[in-house]
Amino acid sequence: MTVRRVVPNLRSEAVEENRRFYGLLGLEEVMNLGWIVTLAPPAGGTAQVSVMTEDRTAPVVPDLSVEVDDVDAAYALVRDSGAEIVHPLQDEEWGVRRFFVRDPDGRVVNVLSHR
């Protein structure tokens, strides 16, 4: 399994204000689903930050997203380790397959692959 990118998720009701603030640091909108906006440098790359008001299909807003090349393999490893699965493995309508797991300090990690 290979990690493709790691993205911090910031829970906020001030999405537009955050978009403007991070724009001052050179980030621009690369995705907007209404409840989540992802910002990245205009040249691309894996440096990104997401601002979320909620998570559309999960019970909590994750603290961090980790994109992997094989989410099914990651799910099997995490499940077999006994870690707490917060949101089950499923395909989402916006083109990802994902699950949430709680890390040892209680943070929720969104593990995903793009389909």
C-alpha atoms as a PDB file:
ATOM      1  CA  MET A   1       0.000   0.000   0.000  1.00  0.00           C
ATOM      2  CA  THR A   2       1.282   3.458  -0.937  1.00  0.00           C
ATOM      3  CA  VAL A   3       0.237   6.785   0.583  1.00  0.00           C
ATOM      4  CA  ARG A   4      -0.551   9.324  -2.135  1.00  0.00           C
ATOM      5  CA  ARG A   5      -1.288  12.381   0.026  1.00  0.00           C
ATOM      6  CA  VAL A   6      -2.222  13.507   3.521  1.00  0.00           C
ATOM      7  CA  VAL A   7      -4.681  16.393   3.969  1.00  0.00           C
ATOM      8  CA  PRO A   8      -5.618  18.144   7.230  1.00  0.00           C
ATOM      9  CA  ASN A   9      -9.369  18.716   7.573  1.00  0.00           C
ATOM     10  CA  LEU A  10     -10.384  21.904   9.384  1.00  0.00           C
ATOM     11  CA  ARG A  11     -13.904  21.941  10.837  1.00  0.00           C
ATOM     12  CA  SER A  12     -15.339  25.418  10.351  1.00  0.00           C
ATOM     13  CA  GLU A  13     -18.545  27.296   9.646  1.00  0.00           C
ATOM     14  CA  ALA A  14     -16.419  30.095   8.117  1.00  0.00           C
ATOM     15  CA  VAL A  15     -15.591  28.413   4.815  1.00  0.00           C
ATOM     16  CA  GLU A  16     -15.480  31.585   2.715  1.00  0.00           C
ATOM     17  CA  GLU A  17     -13.328  33.381   5.265  1.00  0.00           C
ATOM     18  CA  ASN A  18     -10.917  30.444   5.328  1.00  0.00           C
ATOM     19  CA  ARG A  19     -10.820  30.325   1.530  1.00  0.00           C
ATOM     20  CA  ARG A  20      -9.786  33.994   1.482  1.00  0.00           C
ATOM     21  CA  PHE A  21      -7.260  33.553   4.320  1.00  0.00           C
ATOM     22  CA  TYR A  22      -5.518  30.546   2.764  1.00  0.00           C
ATOM     23  CA  GLY A  23      -5.607  32.379  -0.573  1.00  0.00           C
ATOM     24  CA  LEU A  24      -3.263  34.907   1.034  1.00  0.00           C
ATOM     25  CA  LEU A  25      -0.847  32.001   1.493  1.00  0.00           C
ATOM     26  CA  GLY A  26      -1.073  31.009  -2.175  1.00  0.00           C
ATOM     27  CA  LEU A  27      -3.755  28.300  -2.021  1.00  0.00           C
ATOM     28  CA  GLU A  28      -6.752  28.236  -4.350  1.00  0.00           C
ATOM     29  CA  GLU A  29      -9.947  26.205  -4.504  1.00  0.00           C
ATOM     30  CA  VAL A  30      -9.527  22.878  -6.295  1.00  0.00           C
ATOM     31  CA  MET A  31     -12.742  21.196  -5.056  1.00  0.00           C
ATOM     32  CA  ASN A  32     -16.010  22.480  -3.618  1.00  0.00           C
ATOM     33  CA  LEU A  33     -18.878  20.150  -2.693  1.00  0.00           C
ATOM     34  CA  GLY A  34     -20.682  22.765  -0.613  1.00  0.00           C
ATOM     35  CA  TRP A  35     -19.871  21.120   2.730  1.00  0.00           C
ATOM     36  CA  ILE A  36     -16.155  20.655   1.976  1.00  0.00           C
ATOM     37  CA  VAL A  37     -13.742  22.937   0.127  1.00  0.00           C
ATOM     38  CA  THR A  38     -10.214  21.794  -0.708  1.00  0.00           C
ATOM     39  CA  LEU A  39      -7.456  24.320  -1.320  1.00  0.00           C
ATOM     40  CA  ALA A  40      -4.098  23.694  -3.013  1.00  0.00           C
ATOM     41  CA  PRO A  41      -1.273  25.577  -4.708  1.00  0.00           C
ATOM     42  CA  PRO A  42      -2.078  26.594  -8.303  1.00  0.00           C
ATOM     43  CA  ALA A  43       0.844  24.507  -9.598  1.00  0.00           C
ATOM     44  CA  GLY A  44      -0.749  21.359  -8.158  1.00  0.00           C
ATOM     45  CA  GLY A  45       1.002  18.759  -6.091  1.00  0.00           C
ATOM     46  CA  THR A  46      -0.031  17.004  -2.922  1.00  0.00           C
ATOM     47  CA  ALA A  47       0.013  19.980  -0.518  1.00  0.00           C
ATOM     48  CA  GLN A  48      -3.642  20.591   0.350  1.00  0.00           C
ATOM     49  CA  VAL A  49      -5.967  21.660   3.163  1.00  0.00           C
ATOM     50  CA  SER A  50      -9.712  21.036   3.383  1.00  0.00           C
ATOM     51  CA  VAL A  51     -12.276  23.148   5.238  1.00  0.00           C
ATOM     52  CA  MET A  52     -15.459  21.295   6.217  1.00  0.00           C
ATOM     53  CA  THR A  53     -18.744  22.335   7.799  1.00  0.00           C
ATOM     54  CA  GLU A  54     -19.853  18.697   8.165  1.00  0.00           C
ATOM     55  CA  ASP A  55     -19.365  15.340   6.521  1.00  0.00           C
ATOM     56  CA  ARG A  56     -22.251  14.492   4.234  1.00  0.00           C
ATOM     57  CA  THR A  57     -22.380  10.727   4.881  1.00  0.00           C
ATOM     58  CA  ALA A  58     -20.394  10.159   8.080  1.00  0.00           C
ATOM     59  CA  PRO A  59     -21.219  10.785  11.737  1.00  0.00           C
ATOM     60  CA  VAL A  60     -18.194  13.056  12.375  1.00  0.00           C
ATOM     61  CA  VAL A  61     -15.847  15.422  10.561  1.00  0.00           C
ATOM     62  CA  PRO A  62     -12.485  13.657  10.203  1.00  0.00           C
ATOM     63  CA  ASP A  63      -9.364  15.404  11.479  1.00  0.00           C
ATOM     64  CA  LEU A  64      -7.169  14.114   8.677  1.00  0.00           C
ATOM     65  CA  SER A  65      -7.536  12.436   5.282  1.00  0.00           C
ATOM     66  CA  VAL A  66      -5.004   9.911   4.017  1.00  0.00           C
ATOM     67  CA  GLU A  67      -5.276   8.916   0.364  1.00  0.00           C
ATOM     68  CA  VAL A  68      -3.860   5.468  -0.377  1.00  0.00           C
ATOM     69  CA  ASP A  69      -3.563   3.473  -3.571  1.00  0.00           C
ATOM     70  CA  ASP A  70      -5.549   0.496  -2.173  1.00  0.00           C
ATOM     71  CA  VAL A  71      -8.205   1.429   0.390  1.00  0.00           C
ATOM     72  CA  ASP A  72      -9.487  -2.153   0.587  1.00  0.00           C
ATOM     73  CA  ALA A  73      -6.049  -3.403   1.683  1.00  0.00           C
ATOM     74  CA  ALA A  74      -5.770  -0.532   4.181  1.00  0.00           C
ATOM     75  CA  TYR A  75      -9.214  -1.368   5.584  1.00  0.00           C
ATOM     76  CA  ALA A  76      -8.292  -5.027   6.048  1.00  0.00           C
ATOM     77  CA  LEU A  77      -5.066  -4.100   7.886  1.00  0.00           C
ATOM     78  CA  VAL A  78      -6.789  -1.573  10.140  1.00  0.00           C
ATOM     79  CA  ARG A  79      -9.764  -3.834  10.882  1.00  0.00           C
ATOM     80  CA  ASP A  80      -7.495  -6.772  11.699  1.00  0.00           C
ATOM     81  CA  SER A  81      -5.457  -4.574  14.058  1.00  0.00           C
ATOM     82  CA  GLY A  82      -8.522  -4.029  16.238  1.00  0.00           C
ATOM     83  CA  ALA A  83      -8.575  -0.247  15.739  1.00  0.00           C
ATOM     84  CA  GLU A  84     -11.992   1.409  16.054  1.00  0.00           C
ATOM     85  CA  ILE A  85     -13.739   1.800  12.705  1.00  0.00           C
ATOM     86  CA  VAL A  86     -15.811   5.001  12.992  1.00  0.00           C
ATOM     87  CA  HIS A  87     -17.381   4.927   9.512  1.00  0.00           C
ATOM     88  CA  PRO A  88     -17.576   1.736   7.426  1.00  0.00           C
ATOM     89  CA  LEU A  89     -15.832   1.163   4.110  1.00  0.00           C
ATOM     90  CA  GLN A  90     -18.112   2.427   1.348  1.00  0.00           C
ATOM     91  CA  ASP A  91     -18.219   4.055  -2.069  1.00  0.00           C
ATOM     92  CA  GLU A  92     -19.237   7.717  -2.049  1.00  0.00           C
ATOM     93  CA  GLU A  93     -21.117   9.526  -4.826  1.00  0.00           C
ATOM     94  CA  TRP A  94     -18.262  12.027  -5.297  1.00  0.00           C
ATOM     95  CA  GLY A  95     -15.914   9.331  -6.579  1.00  0.00           C
ATOM     96  CA  VAL A  96     -14.040   8.000  -3.562  1.00  0.00           C
ATOM     97  CA  ARG A  97     -14.084   4.754  -1.599  1.00  0.00           C
ATOM     98  CA  ARG A  98     -13.351   5.389   2.078  1.00  0.00           C
ATOM     99  CA  PHE A  99     -13.622   4.521   5.744  1.00  0.00           C
ATOM    100  CA  PHE A 100     -12.883   6.356   9.010  1.00  0.00           C
ATOM    101  CA  VAL A 101     -10.720   4.979  11.812  1.00  0.00           C
ATOM    102  CA  ARG A 102      -9.845   6.430  15.228  1.00  0.00           C
ATOM    103  CA  ASP A 103      -6.125   6.838  15.973  1.00  0.00           C
ATOM    104  CA  PRO A 104      -4.609   6.134  19.443  1.00  0.00           C
ATOM    105  CA  ASP A 105      -5.156   9.764  20.533  1.00  0.00           C
ATOM    106  CA  GLY A 106      -8.805   9.820  19.441  1.00  0.00           C
ATOM    107  CA  ARG A 107      -8.410  11.684  16.153  1.00  0.00           C
ATOM    108  CA  VAL A 108     -10.574  10.459  13.296  1.00  0.00           C
ATOM    109  CA  VAL A 109      -8.714   9.585  10.082  1.00  0.00           C
ATOM    110  CA  ASN A 110     -10.513   9.404   6.730  1.00  0.00           C
ATOM    111  CA  VAL A 111      -8.709   6.733   4.652  1.00  0.00           C
ATOM    112  CA  LEU A 112      -9.627   6.871   0.964  1.00  0.00           C
ATOM    113  CA  SER A 113      -8.859   5.997  -2.632  1.00  0.00           C
ATOM    114  CA  HIS A 114     -10.266   7.699  -5.700  1.00  0.00           C
ATOM    115  CA  ARG A 115     -12.231   5.340  -7.940  1.00  0.00           C
END
